[in-house]
N, C-alpha and C. Protein backbone atom coordinates (compact mmCIF):
# COMPACT_ATOMS: atom_id res chain seq x y z
N UNK A 1 87.90 187.33 80.29
CA UNK A 1 86.59 187.45 81.12
C UNK A 1 86.93 186.39 82.36
N UNK A 2 86.35 186.66 83.41
CA UNK A 2 86.60 185.80 84.65
C UNK A 2 85.28 185.16 84.76
N UNK A 3 85.41 183.79 85.10
CA UNK A 3 84.26 182.94 85.60
C UNK A 3 84.11 183.23 86.97
N UNK A 4 82.79 183.09 87.25
CA UNK A 4 82.33 182.68 88.59
C UNK A 4 82.23 181.30 88.81
N UNK A 5 83.12 180.69 89.55
CA UNK A 5 83.03 179.34 89.68
C UNK A 5 82.69 178.77 91.02
N UNK A 6 82.06 177.56 91.13
CA UNK A 6 81.87 176.93 92.36
C UNK A 6 82.58 175.80 92.66
N UNK A 7 82.88 175.28 93.87
CA UNK A 7 83.86 174.50 94.09
C UNK A 7 82.99 173.33 95.11
N UNK A 8 83.62 171.98 94.96
CA UNK A 8 83.42 170.88 95.72
C UNK A 8 84.74 170.42 96.21
N UNK A 9 84.92 169.35 96.99
CA UNK A 9 85.94 168.86 97.39
C UNK A 9 86.77 168.24 96.40
N UNK A 10 86.16 167.97 95.31
CA UNK A 10 87.01 167.21 94.17
C UNK A 10 86.76 168.02 92.66
N UNK A 11 86.04 169.02 92.67
CA UNK A 11 85.66 169.62 91.48
C UNK A 11 85.37 171.15 91.63
N UNK A 12 85.48 171.78 90.33
CA UNK A 12 85.35 173.20 90.24
C UNK A 12 84.35 173.00 88.84
N UNK A 13 83.22 173.73 89.12
CA UNK A 13 82.14 173.85 88.19
C UNK A 13 81.42 175.22 88.06
N UNK A 14 80.62 175.10 86.84
CA UNK A 14 79.97 176.37 86.72
C UNK A 14 78.57 175.71 85.99
N UNK A 15 77.69 175.47 86.42
CA UNK A 15 76.32 174.72 86.13
C UNK A 15 75.15 175.59 86.05
N UNK A 16 74.71 176.11 84.99
CA UNK A 16 73.44 176.90 84.88
C UNK A 16 72.44 176.23 84.01
N UNK A 17 71.25 176.28 84.15
CA UNK A 17 70.18 175.65 83.46
C UNK A 17 69.15 176.52 83.15
N UNK A 18 68.39 176.51 82.10
CA UNK A 18 67.19 177.29 81.65
C UNK A 18 66.10 176.18 81.53
N UNK A 19 65.09 176.30 82.42
CA UNK A 19 63.86 175.11 82.23
C UNK A 19 62.57 175.78 82.06
N UNK A 20 61.84 175.26 81.26
CA UNK A 20 60.43 175.80 80.89
C UNK A 20 59.41 174.60 80.90
N UNK A 21 58.49 174.83 81.82
CA UNK A 21 57.08 174.16 82.10
C UNK A 21 56.12 174.75 81.30
N UNK A 22 55.39 173.93 80.68
CA UNK A 22 54.22 174.38 79.95
C UNK A 22 52.82 173.79 80.75
N UNK A 23 51.84 174.70 80.75
CA UNK A 23 50.58 174.18 81.40
C UNK A 23 49.91 173.18 80.24
N UNK A 24 49.27 172.13 80.60
CA UNK A 24 48.59 171.21 79.72
C UNK A 24 47.60 171.96 78.96
N UNK A 25 47.57 171.42 77.77
CA UNK A 25 46.65 172.16 76.68
C UNK A 25 46.90 173.54 76.38
N UNK A 26 48.05 174.13 77.09
CA UNK A 26 48.31 175.56 77.01
C UNK A 26 47.28 176.20 77.54
N UNK A 27 46.59 175.76 78.48
CA UNK A 27 45.40 176.53 79.01
C UNK A 27 46.03 177.75 79.92
N UNK A 28 45.42 178.95 79.76
CA UNK A 28 45.85 180.09 80.36
C UNK A 28 45.38 180.14 81.77
N UNK A 29 46.01 179.42 82.79
CA UNK A 29 45.52 179.35 84.17
C UNK A 29 46.17 180.04 85.28
N UNK A 30 47.45 180.50 84.88
CA UNK A 30 48.22 180.92 85.68
C UNK A 30 48.01 182.46 86.16
N UNK A 31 47.20 182.63 87.00
CA UNK A 31 46.92 184.12 87.43
C UNK A 31 48.08 184.60 88.36
N UNK A 32 47.92 185.68 88.55
CA UNK A 32 48.81 186.43 89.64
C UNK A 32 49.21 185.72 90.89
N UNK A 33 48.09 185.18 91.42
CA UNK A 33 47.87 184.84 92.79
C UNK A 33 48.72 183.10 92.54
N UNK A 34 48.20 182.45 91.52
CA UNK A 34 48.89 181.04 91.29
C UNK A 34 50.49 181.25 90.85
N UNK A 35 50.77 182.25 90.27
CA UNK A 35 52.17 182.55 89.80
C UNK A 35 53.02 182.72 90.94
N UNK A 36 52.60 183.66 91.93
CA UNK A 36 53.22 183.70 93.33
C UNK A 36 53.48 182.54 94.30
N UNK A 37 52.31 181.56 94.02
CA UNK A 37 52.37 180.46 94.72
C UNK A 37 53.47 179.41 94.12
N UNK A 38 53.39 179.22 92.83
CA UNK A 38 54.15 178.38 91.97
C UNK A 38 55.76 178.89 92.33
N UNK A 39 56.03 180.19 92.33
CA UNK A 39 57.37 180.58 92.50
C UNK A 39 57.75 180.22 93.99
N UNK A 40 56.93 180.35 94.97
CA UNK A 40 57.24 180.05 96.47
C UNK A 40 57.46 178.47 96.40
N UNK A 41 56.52 177.76 95.79
CA UNK A 41 56.85 176.39 95.93
C UNK A 41 58.29 176.05 95.05
N UNK A 42 58.50 176.41 94.13
CA UNK A 42 59.57 176.13 93.43
C UNK A 42 60.98 176.42 94.17
N UNK A 43 60.81 177.51 94.89
CA UNK A 43 61.90 177.84 95.82
C UNK A 43 62.12 177.04 96.90
N UNK A 44 61.04 176.55 97.52
CA UNK A 44 61.26 175.59 98.69
C UNK A 44 61.66 174.28 98.03
N UNK A 45 61.12 173.80 97.03
CA UNK A 45 61.64 172.54 96.52
C UNK A 45 63.00 172.58 96.11
N UNK A 46 63.50 173.78 95.44
CA UNK A 46 64.85 173.71 95.21
C UNK A 46 65.92 173.84 96.27
N UNK A 47 65.40 174.39 97.31
CA UNK A 47 66.27 174.33 98.55
C UNK A 47 66.58 172.82 99.04
N UNK A 48 65.59 172.01 98.82
CA UNK A 48 65.89 170.62 99.40
C UNK A 48 66.84 169.86 98.37
N UNK A 49 67.08 170.38 97.19
CA UNK A 49 67.84 169.72 96.35
C UNK A 49 69.12 170.59 96.19
N UNK A 50 69.42 171.37 96.94
CA UNK A 50 70.66 172.51 97.08
C UNK A 50 70.68 173.06 95.64
N UNK A 51 69.56 173.66 94.93
CA UNK A 51 69.53 174.36 93.80
C UNK A 51 69.25 175.58 94.27
N UNK A 52 70.16 176.60 93.48
CA UNK A 52 69.83 178.02 93.74
C UNK A 52 69.11 178.59 92.46
N UNK A 53 67.79 179.27 92.68
CA UNK A 53 66.94 179.92 91.62
C UNK A 53 67.46 181.04 91.32
N UNK A 54 67.90 181.50 90.35
CA UNK A 54 68.34 182.66 89.84
C UNK A 54 67.32 183.76 89.26
N UNK A 55 66.45 182.99 88.59
CA UNK A 55 65.22 183.80 87.99
C UNK A 55 64.18 182.77 87.98
N UNK A 56 62.69 183.24 87.95
CA UNK A 56 61.85 182.52 87.78
C UNK A 56 60.48 183.59 87.48
N UNK A 57 60.04 183.41 86.13
CA UNK A 57 58.91 184.21 85.75
C UNK A 57 57.94 183.33 84.89
N UNK A 58 56.83 184.05 84.83
CA UNK A 58 55.72 182.99 84.09
C UNK A 58 54.85 183.89 83.38
N UNK A 59 53.88 183.45 82.53
CA UNK A 59 52.98 183.97 81.84
C UNK A 59 51.79 183.25 82.17
N UNK A 60 50.67 183.21 81.56
CA UNK A 60 49.37 182.44 81.65
C UNK A 60 49.44 181.00 81.52
N UNK A 61 50.38 180.81 80.66
CA UNK A 61 50.33 179.12 80.31
C UNK A 61 51.77 178.59 80.45
N UNK A 62 52.96 179.28 81.15
CA UNK A 62 54.20 178.80 81.17
C UNK A 62 55.01 179.22 82.20
N UNK A 63 56.00 178.68 82.74
CA UNK A 63 56.97 179.08 83.72
C UNK A 63 58.36 178.91 83.22
N UNK A 64 59.35 180.08 83.16
CA UNK A 64 60.56 179.77 82.75
C UNK A 64 61.37 179.83 84.09
N UNK A 65 62.33 179.13 84.33
CA UNK A 65 63.38 178.94 85.63
C UNK A 65 64.77 178.96 85.14
N UNK A 66 65.46 179.77 85.58
CA UNK A 66 66.87 179.79 85.52
C UNK A 66 67.55 179.54 86.92
N UNK A 67 68.20 178.29 86.76
CA UNK A 67 68.78 177.92 88.19
C UNK A 67 70.24 177.42 88.01
N UNK A 68 70.79 177.48 89.14
CA UNK A 68 72.42 177.11 89.28
C UNK A 68 72.37 175.79 90.25
N UNK A 69 73.14 174.75 89.76
CA UNK A 69 73.34 173.50 90.38
C UNK A 69 74.56 173.08 90.67
N UNK A 70 74.71 171.85 91.44
CA UNK A 70 76.12 171.22 91.74
C UNK A 70 76.06 170.10 90.71
N UNK A 71 77.32 169.50 90.35
CA UNK A 71 77.33 168.33 89.73
C UNK A 71 76.63 167.23 90.11
N UNK A 72 76.17 167.23 91.39
CA UNK A 72 75.60 165.96 92.14
C UNK A 72 74.24 165.84 91.77
N UNK A 73 73.52 167.00 91.11
CA UNK A 73 72.09 167.04 91.18
C UNK A 73 71.48 166.09 90.12
N UNK A 74 70.69 165.28 90.57
CA UNK A 74 69.81 164.36 89.75
C UNK A 74 68.72 165.19 89.11
N UNK A 75 68.98 165.58 87.81
CA UNK A 75 68.13 166.58 87.22
C UNK A 75 66.82 166.00 86.87
N UNK A 76 66.72 164.82 86.30
CA UNK A 76 65.31 164.33 86.10
C UNK A 76 64.38 164.25 87.50
N UNK A 77 65.01 163.71 88.60
CA UNK A 77 64.43 163.68 89.95
C UNK A 77 63.94 165.08 90.12
N UNK A 78 64.76 166.05 90.13
CA UNK A 78 64.55 167.33 90.50
C UNK A 78 63.42 167.99 89.69
N UNK A 79 63.36 167.76 88.41
CA UNK A 79 62.42 168.50 87.40
C UNK A 79 61.09 167.54 87.96
N UNK A 80 61.12 166.20 87.92
CA UNK A 80 59.96 165.51 88.49
C UNK A 80 59.30 166.05 89.67
N UNK A 81 60.10 166.42 90.82
CA UNK A 81 59.63 166.91 92.07
C UNK A 81 59.13 168.21 91.74
N UNK A 82 59.67 169.14 91.01
CA UNK A 82 59.11 170.30 90.59
C UNK A 82 57.52 170.34 90.10
N UNK A 83 57.59 169.40 89.17
CA UNK A 83 56.33 169.29 88.37
C UNK A 83 55.28 168.45 89.28
N UNK A 84 55.68 167.55 89.76
CA UNK A 84 54.51 166.82 90.56
C UNK A 84 54.08 167.53 91.81
N UNK A 85 54.98 168.19 92.46
CA UNK A 85 54.47 169.15 93.83
C UNK A 85 53.80 170.25 93.56
N UNK A 86 54.16 171.03 92.41
CA UNK A 86 53.40 172.13 92.10
C UNK A 86 52.20 171.99 91.54
N UNK A 87 52.13 170.70 90.69
CA UNK A 87 50.59 170.50 90.13
C UNK A 87 49.62 170.15 91.29
N UNK A 88 50.25 169.25 92.10
CA UNK A 88 49.17 168.67 93.14
C UNK A 88 48.87 169.94 94.11
N UNK A 89 50.08 170.60 94.53
CA UNK A 89 49.62 171.89 95.37
C UNK A 89 48.81 172.94 94.81
N UNK A 90 49.00 173.24 93.63
CA UNK A 90 48.28 174.39 92.96
C UNK A 90 46.73 173.87 92.66
N UNK A 91 46.63 172.56 92.50
CA UNK A 91 45.08 172.06 92.20
C UNK A 91 44.53 171.87 93.76
N UNK A 92 45.30 171.73 94.72
CA UNK A 92 44.62 171.68 96.01
C UNK A 92 44.24 172.93 96.33
N UNK A 93 45.03 173.98 96.37
CA UNK A 93 44.82 175.25 96.68
C UNK A 93 43.77 176.04 95.94
N UNK A 94 44.00 175.78 94.57
CA UNK A 94 43.12 176.46 93.60
C UNK A 94 42.47 175.56 92.97
N UNK A 95 41.36 175.17 93.45
CA UNK A 95 40.40 173.97 92.79
C UNK A 95 39.68 174.46 91.47
N UNK A 96 39.68 175.88 91.38
CA UNK A 96 39.10 176.35 90.06
C UNK A 96 39.55 175.96 88.97
N UNK A 97 41.09 175.69 89.05
CA UNK A 97 41.78 175.21 87.72
C UNK A 97 41.34 173.97 87.12
N UNK A 98 40.75 173.03 87.91
CA UNK A 98 40.36 171.86 87.50
C UNK A 98 39.14 171.92 86.60
N UNK A 99 38.52 173.00 86.30
CA UNK A 99 37.33 173.27 85.45
C UNK A 99 38.18 173.35 84.00
N UNK A 100 39.33 173.88 83.85
CA UNK A 100 40.04 173.95 82.63
C UNK A 100 41.03 172.91 82.29
N UNK A 101 41.37 172.30 83.32
CA UNK A 101 42.22 170.90 83.43
C UNK A 101 41.56 169.72 84.08
N UNK A 102 41.88 168.69 83.64
CA UNK A 102 41.24 167.34 84.02
C UNK A 102 42.12 166.28 84.61
N UNK A 103 41.58 165.26 85.06
CA UNK A 103 42.58 164.06 85.36
C UNK A 103 43.97 164.37 86.30
N UNK A 104 43.75 165.34 86.87
CA UNK A 104 44.64 165.59 88.01
C UNK A 104 45.94 166.16 87.42
N UNK A 105 45.99 166.69 86.20
CA UNK A 105 47.09 167.03 85.47
C UNK A 105 47.12 168.48 85.18
N UNK A 106 48.34 169.21 85.73
CA UNK A 106 48.53 170.68 85.64
C UNK A 106 49.29 170.95 84.35
N UNK A 107 50.66 170.24 84.59
CA UNK A 107 51.78 170.61 83.24
C UNK A 107 51.58 169.70 82.25
N UNK A 108 52.18 170.06 81.27
CA UNK A 108 52.17 169.18 79.99
C UNK A 108 53.45 168.16 80.54
N UNK A 109 53.40 166.87 79.72
CA UNK A 109 54.46 166.07 80.48
C UNK A 109 55.85 166.20 79.91
N UNK A 110 55.88 167.07 78.82
CA UNK A 110 57.28 167.49 78.49
C UNK A 110 57.83 168.65 79.02
N UNK A 111 59.02 168.98 78.86
CA UNK A 111 59.66 170.30 79.24
C UNK A 111 60.91 170.58 78.35
N UNK A 112 61.34 171.89 78.50
CA UNK A 112 62.45 172.24 77.77
C UNK A 112 63.64 172.43 78.94
N UNK A 113 64.71 172.06 78.66
CA UNK A 113 65.98 172.10 79.55
C UNK A 113 67.25 172.45 78.51
N UNK A 114 67.81 173.50 78.96
CA UNK A 114 68.95 173.90 78.19
C UNK A 114 70.22 174.30 79.23
N UNK A 115 71.29 173.92 78.95
CA UNK A 115 72.41 174.44 79.68
C UNK A 115 72.78 175.98 79.26
N UNK A 116 73.29 176.74 80.18
CA UNK A 116 73.49 178.11 80.05
C UNK A 116 74.76 178.34 80.63
N UNK A 117 75.74 179.15 80.07
CA UNK A 117 76.78 179.37 80.77
C UNK A 117 77.23 180.89 80.82
N UNK A 118 78.54 181.12 81.20
CA UNK A 118 78.86 182.51 81.34
C UNK A 118 79.46 183.20 80.14
N UNK A 119 79.61 182.29 79.23
CA UNK A 119 80.12 182.71 77.66
C UNK A 119 79.37 182.15 76.90
N UNK A 120 79.27 182.74 75.50
CA UNK A 120 78.38 181.88 74.57
C UNK A 120 79.05 180.74 74.01
N UNK A 121 78.37 179.94 73.32
CA UNK A 121 78.96 178.64 72.82
C UNK A 121 80.01 178.91 71.77
N UNK A 122 79.86 179.97 70.99
CA UNK A 122 80.82 180.30 69.94
C UNK A 122 82.18 180.70 70.57
N UNK A 123 82.15 181.46 71.64
CA UNK A 123 83.28 181.71 72.38
C UNK A 123 83.91 180.51 72.86
N UNK A 124 83.09 179.60 73.45
CA UNK A 124 83.70 178.23 73.99
C UNK A 124 84.36 177.56 72.88
N UNK A 125 83.64 177.32 71.68
CA UNK A 125 84.22 176.50 70.60
C UNK A 125 85.61 177.06 70.23
N UNK A 126 85.58 178.53 70.22
CA UNK A 126 87.08 179.17 69.70
C UNK A 126 88.03 178.85 70.79
N UNK A 127 87.68 178.68 71.94
CA UNK A 127 88.51 178.47 73.17
C UNK A 127 89.13 177.12 72.97
N UNK A 128 88.32 176.19 72.85
CA UNK A 128 88.59 174.74 72.71
C UNK A 128 89.39 174.42 71.48
N UNK A 129 88.91 175.04 70.51
CA UNK A 129 89.84 174.88 69.08
C UNK A 129 91.45 175.43 69.33
N UNK A 130 91.37 176.58 70.00
CA UNK A 130 92.59 177.28 70.23
C UNK A 130 93.65 176.38 70.98
N UNK A 131 92.97 175.49 71.87
CA UNK A 131 93.81 174.57 72.61
C UNK A 131 94.78 173.65 71.77
N UNK A 132 94.20 173.19 70.77
CA UNK A 132 94.91 172.31 69.88
C UNK A 132 95.81 172.87 68.94
N UNK A 133 95.97 174.39 68.92
CA UNK A 133 96.83 175.24 67.92
C UNK A 133 98.24 175.62 68.72
N UNK A 134 98.31 175.05 69.88
CA UNK A 134 99.56 175.54 70.74
C UNK A 134 100.81 174.79 70.53
N UNK A 135 100.78 173.80 69.45
CA UNK A 135 101.70 172.86 69.19
C UNK A 135 101.99 171.64 70.09
N UNK A 136 103.26 170.96 69.94
CA UNK A 136 103.54 169.85 70.76
C UNK A 136 104.08 170.40 72.07
N UNK A 137 103.58 169.59 73.14
CA UNK A 137 104.06 170.03 74.38
C UNK A 137 105.49 169.06 74.69
N UNK A 138 106.39 169.78 75.21
CA UNK A 138 107.65 168.91 75.31
C UNK A 138 107.69 168.58 76.83
N UNK A 139 107.84 167.30 77.11
CA UNK A 139 108.05 166.77 78.56
C UNK A 139 109.45 166.42 78.95
């Protein structure tokens, strides 16, 4: 299998992430119009962080984002920007959501983040283990 790798001046990498945000109290407030607005805002914010959005989908009370990043990404700062800006902008543009949510909060304070690769974890474990099975290296 051939990896799709990215390069910087001193590194070669492949960094993919799966991120999930949940609406506070699991309120079902993400309408199709709000969904489109959130997707647009996430893409705009991601551009400023040099993050490439590979997929973004939602339902009435959550958003899934699959993104690709560089090693220099400050992940907590990026996630905070996504949650803060989308929350503020959704409540500003769609004031009706405040009837189901209050105190200026749109997203739950927690989130889910997982790394994702181009191979499964089992394949990677087998590869790493196989590196120790090659015997001694003669110099």
